[in-house]
């Protein structure tokens, strides 16, 4: 699934997709945002507004 339109996505679906991509393809958030050319801060804010925080030690949003 593509994250180009991540700003319009449902935050729960977005969190699920991002976590899957972190686990399966990119390893960390910096690699993921670079690969999709998205603004890391906007992604963090969107997910934080839905109650999800990025935990770098486990490389997931929870």
PDB file of N, CA and C in Angstrom:
ATOM      1  N   UNK A   1       0.840  -1.185   0.000  1.00  0.00           N
ATOM      2  CA  UNK A   1       0.000   0.000   0.000  1.00  0.00           C
ATOM      3  C   UNK A   1       0.881   1.242   0.000  1.00  0.00           C
ATOM      4  N   UNK A   2       0.459   2.229  -0.730  1.00  0.00           N
ATOM      5  CA  UNK A   2       1.195   3.467  -0.894  1.00  0.00           C
ATOM      6  C   UNK A   2       0.826   4.466   0.200  1.00  0.00           C
ATOM      7  N   UNK A   3       1.782   5.253   0.631  1.00  0.00           N
ATOM      8  CA  UNK A   3       1.541   6.250   1.670  1.00  0.00           C
ATOM      9  C   UNK A   3       1.528   7.679   1.128  1.00  0.00           C
ATOM     10  N   UNK A   4       1.435   7.826  -0.178  1.00  0.00           N
ATOM     11  CA  UNK A   4       1.469   9.157  -0.782  1.00  0.00           C
ATOM     12  C   UNK A   4       0.368  10.048  -0.215  1.00  0.00           C
ATOM     13  N   UNK A   5      -0.813   9.525  -0.026  1.00  0.00           N
ATOM     14  CA  UNK A   5      -1.946  10.294   0.499  1.00  0.00           C
ATOM     15  C   UNK A   5      -2.182  10.036   1.983  1.00  0.00           C
ATOM     16  N   UNK A   6      -1.113   9.858   2.732  1.00  0.00           N
ATOM     17  CA  UNK A   6      -1.248   9.490   4.142  1.00  0.00           C
ATOM     18  C   UNK A   6      -2.043  10.514   4.951  1.00  0.00           C
ATOM     19  N   UNK A   7      -1.987  11.784   4.560  1.00  0.00           N
ATOM     20  CA  UNK A   7      -2.683  12.829   5.324  1.00  0.00           C
ATOM     21  C   UNK A   7      -4.200  12.666   5.283  1.00  0.00           C
ATOM     22  N   UNK A   8      -4.726  11.987   4.276  1.00  0.00           N
ATOM     23  CA  UNK A   8      -6.167  11.793   4.133  1.00  0.00           C
ATOM     24  C   UNK A   8      -6.632  10.446   4.675  1.00  0.00           C
ATOM     25  N   UNK A   9      -5.696   9.602   5.086  1.00  0.00           N
ATOM     26  CA  UNK A   9      -6.034   8.248   5.524  1.00  0.00           C
ATOM     27  C   UNK A   9      -6.599   8.233   6.939  1.00  0.00           C
ATOM     28  N   UNK A  10      -7.418   7.240   7.194  1.00  0.00           N
ATOM     29  CA  UNK A  10      -7.884   6.970   8.546  1.00  0.00           C
ATOM     30  C   UNK A  10      -6.663   6.693   9.416  1.00  0.00           C
ATOM     31  N   UNK A  11      -6.539   7.341  10.586  1.00  0.00           N
ATOM     32  CA  UNK A  11      -5.319   7.182  11.386  1.00  0.00           C
ATOM     33  C   UNK A  11      -5.058   5.758  11.877  1.00  0.00           C
ATOM     34  N   UNK A  12      -6.086   4.998  12.138  1.00  0.00           N
ATOM     35  CA  UNK A  12      -5.879   3.617  12.594  1.00  0.00           C
ATOM     36  C   UNK A  12      -5.328   2.763  11.448  1.00  0.00           C
ATOM     37  N   UNK A  13      -5.888   2.958  10.259  1.00  0.00           N
ATOM     38  CA  UNK A  13      -5.381   2.239   9.087  1.00  0.00           C
ATOM     39  C   UNK A  13      -3.952   2.682   8.785  1.00  0.00           C
ATOM     40  N   UNK A  14      -3.694   3.974   8.880  1.00  0.00           N
ATOM     41  CA  UNK A  14      -2.363   4.509   8.636  1.00  0.00           C
ATOM     42  C   UNK A  14      -1.346   3.902   9.599  1.00  0.00           C
ATOM     43  N   UNK A  15      -1.680   3.873  10.877  1.00  0.00           N
ATOM     44  CA  UNK A  15      -0.776   3.296  11.878  1.00  0.00           C
ATOM     45  C   UNK A  15      -0.478   1.836  11.562  1.00  0.00           C
ATOM     46  N   UNK A  16      -1.494   1.098  11.175  1.00  0.00           N
ATOM     47  CA  UNK A  16      -1.312  -0.312  10.849  1.00  0.00           C
ATOM     48  C   UNK A  16      -0.387  -0.495   9.642  1.00  0.00           C
ATOM     49  N   UNK A  17      -0.609   0.303   8.608  1.00  0.00           N
ATOM     50  CA  UNK A  17       0.218   0.204   7.400  1.00  0.00           C
ATOM     51  C   UNK A  17       1.657   0.614   7.695  1.00  0.00           C
ATOM     52  N   UNK A  18       1.822   1.718   8.423  1.00  0.00           N
ATOM     53  CA  UNK A  18       3.173   2.190   8.754  1.00  0.00           C
ATOM     54  C   UNK A  18       3.910   1.139   9.580  1.00  0.00           C
ATOM     55  N   UNK A  19       3.260   0.574  10.585  1.00  0.00           N
ATOM     56  CA  UNK A  19       3.915  -0.455  11.399  1.00  0.00           C
ATOM     57  C   UNK A  19       4.291  -1.677  10.566  1.00  0.00           C
ATOM     58  N   UNK A  20       3.424  -2.070   9.646  1.00  0.00           N
ATOM     59  CA  UNK A  20       3.732  -3.209   8.786  1.00  0.00           C
ATOM     60  C   UNK A  20       4.953  -2.897   7.921  1.00  0.00           C
ATOM     61  N   UNK A  21       4.971  -1.712   7.332  1.00  0.00           N
ATOM     62  CA  UNK A  21       6.098  -1.332   6.474  1.00  0.00           C
ATOM     63  C   UNK A  21       7.388  -1.199   7.281  1.00  0.00           C
ATOM     64  N   UNK A  22       7.302  -0.692   8.499  1.00  0.00           N
ATOM     65  CA  UNK A  22       8.486  -0.610   9.358  1.00  0.00           C
ATOM     66  C   UNK A  22       9.020  -2.010   9.650  1.00  0.00           C
ATOM     67  N   UNK A  23       8.131  -2.910   9.957  1.00  0.00           N
ATOM     68  CA  UNK A  23       8.519  -4.283  10.292  1.00  0.00           C
ATOM     69  C   UNK A  23       9.075  -5.032   9.084  1.00  0.00           C
ATOM     70  N   UNK A  24       8.404  -4.911   7.939  1.00  0.00           N
ATOM     71  CA  UNK A  24       8.714  -5.754   6.789  1.00  0.00           C
ATOM     72  C   UNK A  24       9.700  -5.161   5.789  1.00  0.00           C
ATOM     73  N   UNK A  25       9.773  -3.819   5.707  1.00  0.00           N
ATOM     74  CA  UNK A  25      10.535  -3.231   4.612  1.00  0.00           C
ATOM     75  C   UNK A  25      11.574  -2.192   5.004  1.00  0.00           C
ATOM     76  N   UNK A  26      11.283  -1.326   5.956  1.00  0.00           N
ATOM     77  CA  UNK A  26      12.131  -0.151   6.141  1.00  0.00           C
ATOM     78  C   UNK A  26      12.948  -0.111   7.420  1.00  0.00           C
ATOM     79  N   UNK A  27      12.572  -0.841   8.449  1.00  0.00           N
ATOM     80  CA  UNK A  27      13.411  -0.923   9.640  1.00  0.00           C
ATOM     81  C   UNK A  27      13.322   0.235  10.595  1.00  0.00           C
ATOM     82  N   UNK A  28      13.224   1.466  10.091  1.00  0.00           N
ATOM     83  CA  UNK A  28      13.033   2.599  10.998  1.00  0.00           C
ATOM     84  C   UNK A  28      12.274   3.710  10.293  1.00  0.00           C
ATOM     85  N   UNK A  29      11.789   4.635  11.084  1.00  0.00           N
ATOM     86  CA  UNK A  29      10.918   5.678  10.567  1.00  0.00           C
ATOM     87  C   UNK A  29      11.631   6.591   9.570  1.00  0.00           C
ATOM     88  N   UNK A  30      12.885   6.893   9.807  1.00  0.00           N
ATOM     89  CA  UNK A  30      13.618   7.766   8.885  1.00  0.00           C
ATOM     90  C   UNK A  30      13.703   7.163   7.484  1.00  0.00           C
ATOM     91  N   UNK A  31      13.962   5.879   7.393  1.00  0.00           N
ATOM     92  CA  UNK A  31      14.021   5.211   6.084  1.00  0.00           C
ATOM     93  C   UNK A  31      12.658   5.206   5.395  1.00  0.00           C
ATOM     94  N   UNK A  32      11.606   4.992   6.167  1.00  0.00           N
ATOM     95  CA  UNK A  32      10.261   4.959   5.602  1.00  0.00           C
ATOM     96  C   UNK A  32       9.860   6.320   5.036  1.00  0.00           C
ATOM     97  N   UNK A  33      10.035   7.401   5.804  1.00  0.00           N
ATOM     98  CA  UNK A  33       9.625   8.715   5.303  1.00  0.00           C
ATOM     99  C   UNK A  33      10.469   9.150   4.107  1.00  0.00           C
ATOM    100  N   UNK A  34      11.728   8.748   4.097  1.00  0.00           N
ATOM    101  CA  UNK A  34      12.589   9.068   2.951  1.00  0.00           C
ATOM    102  C   UNK A  34      12.120   8.314   1.705  1.00  0.00           C
ATOM    103  N   UNK A  35      11.782   7.053   1.857  1.00  0.00           N
ATOM    104  CA  UNK A  35      11.352   6.238   0.721  1.00  0.00           C
ATOM    105  C   UNK A  35      10.066   6.770   0.090  1.00  0.00           C
ATOM    106  N   UNK A  36       9.153   7.281   0.918  1.00  0.00           N
ATOM    107  CA  UNK A  36       7.874   7.779   0.416  1.00  0.00           C
ATOM    108  C   UNK A  36       7.864   9.289   0.228  1.00  0.00           C
ATOM    109  N   UNK A  37       8.981   9.937   0.548  1.00  0.00           N
ATOM    110  CA  UNK A  37       9.104  11.387   0.419  1.00  0.00           C
ATOM    111  C   UNK A  37       7.952  12.100   1.126  1.00  0.00           C
ATOM    112  N   UNK A  38       7.767  11.741   2.396  1.00  0.00           N
ATOM    113  CA  UNK A  38       6.727  12.378   3.193  1.00  0.00           C
ATOM    114  C   UNK A  38       7.354  13.117   4.364  1.00  0.00           C
ATOM    115  N   UNK A  39       6.633  14.085   4.891  1.00  0.00           N
ATOM    116  CA  UNK A  39       7.097  14.901   5.998  1.00  0.00           C
ATOM    117  C   UNK A  39       6.944  14.120   7.307  1.00  0.00           C
ATOM    118  N   UNK A  40       8.052  13.822   7.926  1.00  0.00           N
ATOM    119  CA  UNK A  40       8.054  13.025   9.152  1.00  0.00           C
ATOM    120  C   UNK A  40       7.232  13.693  10.255  1.00  0.00           C
ATOM    121  N   UNK A  41       7.376  15.002  10.397  1.00  0.00           N
ATOM    122  CA  UNK A  41       6.673  15.712  11.468  1.00  0.00           C
ATOM    123  C   UNK A  41       5.157  15.657  11.266  1.00  0.00           C
ATOM    124  N   UNK A  42       4.717  15.797  10.040  1.00  0.00           N
ATOM    125  CA  UNK A  42       3.272  15.720   9.772  1.00  0.00           C
ATOM    126  C   UNK A  42       2.743  14.326  10.082  1.00  0.00           C
ATOM    127  N   UNK A  43       3.493  13.305   9.697  1.00  0.00           N
ATOM    128  CA  UNK A  43       3.102  11.924  10.003  1.00  0.00           C
ATOM    129  C   UNK A  43       3.028  11.709  11.512  1.00  0.00           C
ATOM    130  N   UNK A  44       4.060  12.155  12.236  1.00  0.00           N
ATOM    131  CA  UNK A  44       4.071  12.010  13.697  1.00  0.00           C
ATOM    132  C   UNK A  44       2.886  12.730  14.339  1.00  0.00           C
ATOM    133  N   UNK A  45       2.590  13.932  13.868  1.00  0.00           N
ATOM    134  CA  UNK A  45       1.478  14.708  14.426  1.00  0.00           C
ATOM    135  C   UNK A  45       0.134  14.055  14.139  1.00  0.00           C
ATOM    136  N   UNK A  46      -0.047  13.578  12.919  1.00  0.00           N
ATOM    137  CA  UNK A  46      -1.316  12.927  12.568  1.00  0.00           C
ATOM    138  C   UNK A  46      -1.566  11.714  13.458  1.00  0.00           C
ATOM    139  N   UNK A  47      -0.541  10.902  13.633  1.00  0.00           N
ATOM    140  CA  UNK A  47      -0.715   9.707  14.458  1.00  0.00           C
ATOM    141  C   UNK A  47      -0.805  10.056  15.941  1.00  0.00           C
ATOM    142  N   UNK A  48      -0.081  11.075  16.384  1.00  0.00           N
ATOM    143  CA  UNK A  48      -0.165  11.504  17.783  1.00  0.00           C
ATOM    144  C   UNK A  48      -1.565  12.028  18.102  1.00  0.00           C
ATOM    145  N   UNK A  49      -2.167  12.743  17.160  1.00  0.00           N
ATOM    146  CA  UNK A  49      -3.527  13.253  17.365  1.00  0.00           C
ATOM    147  C   UNK A  49      -4.541  12.124  17.513  1.00  0.00           C
ATOM    148  N   UNK A  50      -4.210  10.958  17.003  1.00  0.00           N
ATOM    149  CA  UNK A  50      -5.073   9.782  17.131  1.00  0.00           C
ATOM    150  C   UNK A  50      -4.679   8.923  18.333  1.00  0.00           C
ATOM    151  N   UNK A  51      -3.667   9.376  19.088  1.00  0.00           N
ATOM    152  CA  UNK A  51      -3.266   8.650  20.295  1.00  0.00           C
ATOM    153  C   UNK A  51      -2.100   7.700  20.114  1.00  0.00           C
ATOM    154  N   UNK A  52      -1.422   7.760  18.982  1.00  0.00           N
ATOM    155  CA  UNK A  52      -0.307   6.852  18.721  1.00  0.00           C
ATOM    156  C   UNK A  52       1.017   7.605  18.775  1.00  0.00           C
ATOM    157  N   UNK A  53       1.960   7.055  19.488  1.00  0.00           N
ATOM    158  CA  UNK A  53       3.305   7.620  19.574  1.00  0.00           C
ATOM    159  C   UNK A  53       4.302   6.638  18.982  1.00  0.00           C
ATOM    160  N   UNK A  54       5.351   7.189  18.367  1.00  0.00           N
ATOM    161  CA  UNK A  54       6.407   6.343  17.812  1.00  0.00           C
ATOM    162  C   UNK A  54       7.370   5.953  18.924  1.00  0.00           C
ATOM    163  N   UNK A  55       7.616   4.668  19.049  1.00  0.00           N
ATOM    164  CA  UNK A  55       8.542   4.138  20.040  1.00  0.00           C
ATOM    165  C   UNK A  55       9.766   3.616  19.300  1.00  0.00           C
ATOM    166  N   UNK A  56      10.839   4.423  19.240  1.00  0.00           N
ATOM    167  CA  UNK A  56      12.002   4.020  18.446  1.00  0.00           C
ATOM    168  C   UNK A  56      12.658   2.728  18.919  1.00  0.00           C
ATOM    169  N   UNK A  57      12.544   2.429  20.205  1.00  0.00           N
ATOM    170  CA  UNK A  57      13.185   1.216  20.718  1.00  0.00           C
ATOM    171  C   UNK A  57      12.557  -0.059  20.158  1.00  0.00           C
ATOM    172  N   UNK A  58      11.275   0.014  19.772  1.00  0.00           N
ATOM    173  CA  UNK A  58      10.619  -1.146  19.151  1.00  0.00           C
ATOM    174  C   UNK A  58      10.255  -0.886  17.691  1.00  0.00           C
ATOM    175  N   UNK A  59      10.561   0.345  17.237  1.00  0.00           N
ATOM    176  CA  UNK A  59      10.325   0.755  15.840  1.00  0.00           C
ATOM    177  C   UNK A  59       8.881   0.541  15.420  1.00  0.00           C
ATOM    178  N   UNK A  60       7.966   1.049  16.271  1.00  0.00           N
ATOM    179  CA  UNK A  60       6.529   0.932  16.023  1.00  0.00           C
ATOM    180  C   UNK A  60       5.794   2.126  16.592  1.00  0.00           C
ATOM    181  N   UNK A  61       4.602   2.335  16.063  1.00  0.00           N
ATOM    182  CA  UNK A  61       3.657   3.258  16.685  1.00  0.00           C
ATOM    183  C   UNK A  61       2.764   2.438  17.580  1.00  0.00           C
ATOM    184  N   UNK A  62       2.516   2.962  18.762  1.00  0.00           N
ATOM    185  CA  UNK A  62       1.589   2.305  19.712  1.00  0.00           C
ATOM    186  C   UNK A  62       0.765   3.359  20.398  1.00  0.00           C
TER     187      UNK A  62
END
